[in-house]
Structure formats: C-alpha cells, structure tokens
Amino acid sequence: MAYKDGQPFNENHLRPCPMLENPEKLKEMVHRTHAKSTDLQSSESVDHLCDKCQSYAKNWQPIADELWQEYHKNS
C-alpha cells in the first residue's frame, strides 16, 4: 500500500522508479512500513541496495529534468 500511495514518486515521468531514480523514496517507505526482504539466499538491507543507486540517480536527474522541461515547453 505504501508503494501505491507514494505514486507518483516524481512528477518527472522520466524518473519514475523509487529505487533507481528516487532511492530516498524506497528507503523511506521500507523504514516507515518495516518491510523485510523476502530473498532468503542473499538478503540485502534497503540502505545498502539504495545506496548503490545514488550515483545513477544523481547523474540522471539533471538530464531527465532537462529533457522533461524541454518536452513540456514544446508541447
């Protein structure tokens, strides 16, 4: 329900994912709801998982925002 209630995770639809483009959103959801990993073979904390996405999210944000603004300026 937290996932559903949190949508959209970003108003820029080129940055929709709560893990890849908005890792802080996934962390917040998991911590707030006390969700647990169901991967019994290689469990990973949400902090560790999302931390691996921070660089991608940071690098993609300015490009995605520029593309999104340009698209909406011309439509």
N, C-alpha and C. Protein backbone atom coordinates (compact mmCIF):
# COMPACT_ATOMS: atom_id res chain seq x y z
N MET A 1 0.82 -1.20 0.00
CA MET A 1 0.00 0.00 0.00
C MET A 1 0.86 1.26 0.00
N ALA A 2 1.99 1.21 0.71
CA ALA A 2 2.86 2.39 0.74
C ALA A 2 3.39 2.70 -0.65
N TYR A 3 3.71 1.66 -1.41
CA TYR A 3 4.18 1.85 -2.78
C TYR A 3 3.09 2.52 -3.61
N LYS A 4 1.90 1.99 -3.54
CA LYS A 4 0.77 2.55 -4.30
C LYS A 4 0.49 3.98 -3.86
N ASP A 5 0.45 4.19 -2.55
CA ASP A 5 0.14 5.53 -2.03
C ASP A 5 1.22 6.56 -2.36
N GLY A 6 2.46 6.11 -2.58
CA GLY A 6 3.56 7.02 -2.85
C GLY A 6 3.66 7.48 -4.29
N GLN A 7 2.87 6.91 -5.16
CA GLN A 7 2.97 7.24 -6.57
C GLN A 7 2.26 8.54 -6.89
N PRO A 8 2.73 9.33 -7.81
CA PRO A 8 3.99 9.15 -8.49
C PRO A 8 5.15 9.52 -7.57
N PHE A 9 6.24 8.83 -7.74
CA PHE A 9 7.40 9.06 -6.90
C PHE A 9 8.15 10.33 -7.32
N ASN A 10 7.81 10.80 -8.51
CA ASN A 10 8.43 12.01 -9.03
C ASN A 10 7.50 12.54 -10.11
N GLU A 11 7.33 13.83 -10.20
CA GLU A 11 6.47 14.41 -11.23
C GLU A 11 7.09 14.30 -12.62
N ASN A 12 8.39 14.10 -12.67
CA ASN A 12 9.08 13.89 -13.94
C ASN A 12 8.95 12.40 -14.27
N HIS A 13 8.19 12.09 -15.31
CA HIS A 13 7.94 10.69 -15.65
C HIS A 13 9.14 10.01 -16.29
N LEU A 14 10.22 10.74 -16.48
CA LEU A 14 11.48 10.12 -16.89
C LEU A 14 12.28 9.66 -15.67
N ARG A 15 11.74 9.90 -14.48
CA ARG A 15 12.37 9.47 -13.23
C ARG A 15 11.31 8.80 -12.35
N PRO A 16 10.69 7.70 -12.83
CA PRO A 16 9.55 7.12 -12.13
C PRO A 16 9.89 6.13 -11.01
N CYS A 17 11.04 5.54 -11.05
CA CYS A 17 11.33 4.40 -10.16
C CYS A 17 11.75 4.84 -8.76
N PRO A 18 11.13 4.27 -7.73
CA PRO A 18 11.51 4.65 -6.36
C PRO A 18 12.87 4.09 -5.95
N MET A 19 13.42 3.15 -6.70
CA MET A 19 14.74 2.63 -6.36
C MET A 19 15.82 3.29 -7.21
N LEU A 20 15.66 3.27 -8.53
CA LEU A 20 16.71 3.77 -9.40
C LEU A 20 16.81 5.29 -9.46
N GLU A 21 15.69 5.95 -9.63
CA GLU A 21 15.73 7.41 -9.80
C GLU A 21 15.41 8.19 -8.54
N ASN A 22 14.80 7.55 -7.55
CA ASN A 22 14.40 8.21 -6.31
C ASN A 22 14.68 7.30 -5.12
N PRO A 23 15.93 6.87 -4.94
CA PRO A 23 16.22 5.88 -3.90
C PRO A 23 15.83 6.31 -2.49
N GLU A 24 15.78 7.58 -2.24
CA GLU A 24 15.37 8.04 -0.92
C GLU A 24 13.91 7.69 -0.64
N LYS A 25 13.10 7.61 -1.71
CA LYS A 25 11.69 7.26 -1.56
C LYS A 25 11.52 5.81 -1.12
N LEU A 26 12.28 4.91 -1.73
CA LEU A 26 12.19 3.50 -1.36
C LEU A 26 12.68 3.29 0.07
N LYS A 27 13.79 3.92 0.42
CA LYS A 27 14.30 3.81 1.79
C LYS A 27 13.25 4.25 2.80
N GLU A 28 12.63 5.39 2.52
CA GLU A 28 11.64 5.94 3.44
C GLU A 28 10.45 4.98 3.59
N MET A 29 9.98 4.43 2.47
CA MET A 29 8.85 3.51 2.50
C MET A 29 9.17 2.27 3.33
N VAL A 30 10.32 1.69 3.07
CA VAL A 30 10.70 0.45 3.76
C VAL A 30 10.88 0.70 5.25
N HIS A 31 11.56 1.78 5.61
CA HIS A 31 11.76 2.08 7.03
C HIS A 31 10.43 2.38 7.73
N ARG A 32 9.57 3.13 7.06
CA ARG A 32 8.29 3.50 7.66
C ARG A 32 7.38 2.29 7.87
N THR A 33 7.40 1.35 6.92
CA THR A 33 6.50 0.20 7.00
C THR A 33 7.14 -1.04 7.62
N HIS A 34 8.44 -0.96 7.89
CA HIS A 34 9.19 -2.10 8.45
C HIS A 34 9.14 -3.31 7.52
N ALA A 35 9.15 -3.05 6.20
CA ALA A 35 9.16 -4.14 5.21
C ALA A 35 10.46 -4.92 5.33
N LYS A 36 10.40 -6.19 5.04
CA LYS A 36 11.56 -7.08 5.13
C LYS A 36 11.82 -7.73 3.79
N SER A 37 13.07 -8.03 3.50
CA SER A 37 13.44 -8.73 2.28
C SER A 37 12.87 -10.13 2.30
N THR A 38 12.44 -10.59 1.13
CA THR A 38 11.95 -11.96 1.01
C THR A 38 12.96 -12.85 0.30
N ASP A 39 14.12 -12.30 -0.02
CA ASP A 39 15.18 -13.07 -0.67
C ASP A 39 15.96 -13.81 0.41
N LEU A 40 15.71 -15.09 0.55
CA LEU A 40 16.32 -15.88 1.61
C LEU A 40 17.78 -16.23 1.33
N GLN A 41 18.20 -16.19 0.07
CA GLN A 41 19.57 -16.58 -0.26
C GLN A 41 20.55 -15.43 -0.18
N SER A 42 20.13 -14.24 -0.53
CA SER A 42 21.05 -13.10 -0.48
C SER A 42 20.31 -11.85 -0.04
N SER A 43 19.86 -11.87 1.18
CA SER A 43 19.14 -10.74 1.74
C SER A 43 20.04 -9.50 1.77
N GLU A 44 19.44 -8.36 1.50
CA GLU A 44 20.19 -7.10 1.44
C GLU A 44 19.35 -6.02 2.08
N SER A 45 19.97 -5.19 2.88
CA SER A 45 19.21 -4.11 3.51
C SER A 45 18.81 -3.08 2.45
N VAL A 46 17.73 -2.40 2.70
CA VAL A 46 17.26 -1.37 1.78
C VAL A 46 18.30 -0.25 1.68
N ASP A 47 18.98 0.03 2.76
CA ASP A 47 20.00 1.09 2.73
C ASP A 47 21.13 0.71 1.79
N HIS A 48 21.59 -0.53 1.88
CA HIS A 48 22.68 -0.99 1.02
C HIS A 48 22.23 -1.00 -0.44
N LEU A 49 21.05 -1.53 -0.69
CA LEU A 49 20.52 -1.59 -2.05
C LEU A 49 20.37 -0.20 -2.66
N CYS A 50 19.75 0.70 -1.94
CA CYS A 50 19.50 2.05 -2.48
C CYS A 50 20.78 2.87 -2.58
N ASP A 51 21.71 2.64 -1.69
CA ASP A 51 22.98 3.36 -1.77
C ASP A 51 23.70 3.07 -3.09
N LYS A 52 23.50 1.87 -3.62
CA LYS A 52 24.12 1.52 -4.90
C LYS A 52 23.50 2.29 -6.05
N CYS A 53 22.33 2.87 -5.86
CA CYS A 53 21.63 3.60 -6.91
C CYS A 53 21.85 5.11 -6.84
N GLN A 54 22.45 5.58 -5.76
CA GLN A 54 22.60 7.03 -5.56
C GLN A 54 23.35 7.72 -6.70
N SER A 55 24.44 7.13 -7.15
CA SER A 55 25.24 7.75 -8.21
C SER A 55 24.44 7.84 -9.50
N TYR A 56 23.77 6.75 -9.86
CA TYR A 56 22.93 6.76 -11.06
C TYR A 56 21.86 7.84 -10.96
N ALA A 57 21.15 7.88 -9.83
CA ALA A 57 20.07 8.85 -9.65
C ALA A 57 20.60 10.27 -9.75
N LYS A 58 21.72 10.51 -9.12
CA LYS A 58 22.31 11.86 -9.13
C LYS A 58 22.73 12.27 -10.54
N ASN A 59 23.30 11.34 -11.30
CA ASN A 59 23.75 11.65 -12.65
C ASN A 59 22.60 11.77 -13.64
N TRP A 60 21.55 10.99 -13.46
CA TRP A 60 20.42 11.02 -14.38
C TRP A 60 19.49 12.20 -14.14
N GLN A 61 19.37 12.67 -12.92
CA GLN A 61 18.42 13.71 -12.59
C GLN A 61 18.54 14.96 -13.47
N PRO A 62 19.70 15.57 -13.61
CA PRO A 62 19.75 16.80 -14.41
C PRO A 62 19.40 16.56 -15.88
N ILE A 63 19.79 15.42 -16.41
CA ILE A 63 19.48 15.11 -17.81
C ILE A 63 17.98 14.89 -17.97
N ALA A 64 17.42 14.07 -17.10
CA ALA A 64 15.99 13.79 -17.16
C ALA A 64 15.17 15.07 -16.97
N ASP A 65 15.58 15.90 -16.05
CA ASP A 65 14.85 17.15 -15.80
C ASP A 65 14.91 18.08 -17.01
N GLU A 66 16.07 18.15 -17.64
CA GLU A 66 16.21 18.99 -18.83
C GLU A 66 15.33 18.46 -19.97
N LEU A 67 15.36 17.14 -20.19
CA LEU A 67 14.54 16.54 -21.24
C LEU A 67 13.05 16.74 -20.95
N TRP A 68 12.67 16.59 -19.70
CA TRP A 68 11.25 16.72 -19.31
C TRP A 68 10.78 18.17 -19.53
N GLN A 69 11.59 19.13 -19.12
CA GLN A 69 11.24 20.53 -19.30
C GLN A 69 11.17 20.90 -20.77
N GLU A 70 12.11 20.41 -21.54
CA GLU A 70 12.13 20.69 -22.96
C GLU A 70 10.88 20.12 -23.65
N TYR A 71 10.52 18.91 -23.29
CA TYR A 71 9.34 18.28 -23.88
C TYR A 71 8.08 19.08 -23.55
N HIS A 72 7.95 19.51 -22.30
CA HIS A 72 6.75 20.23 -21.90
C HIS A 72 6.73 21.68 -22.41
N LYS A 73 7.89 22.21 -22.67
CA LYS A 73 7.96 23.58 -23.23
C LYS A 73 7.46 23.56 -24.67
N ASN A 74 7.72 22.47 -25.38
CA ASN A 74 7.36 22.38 -26.80
C ASN A 74 6.01 21.73 -27.04
N SER A 75 5.33 21.29 -26.01
CA SER A 75 4.04 20.60 -26.25
C SER A 75 2.86 21.46 -25.86
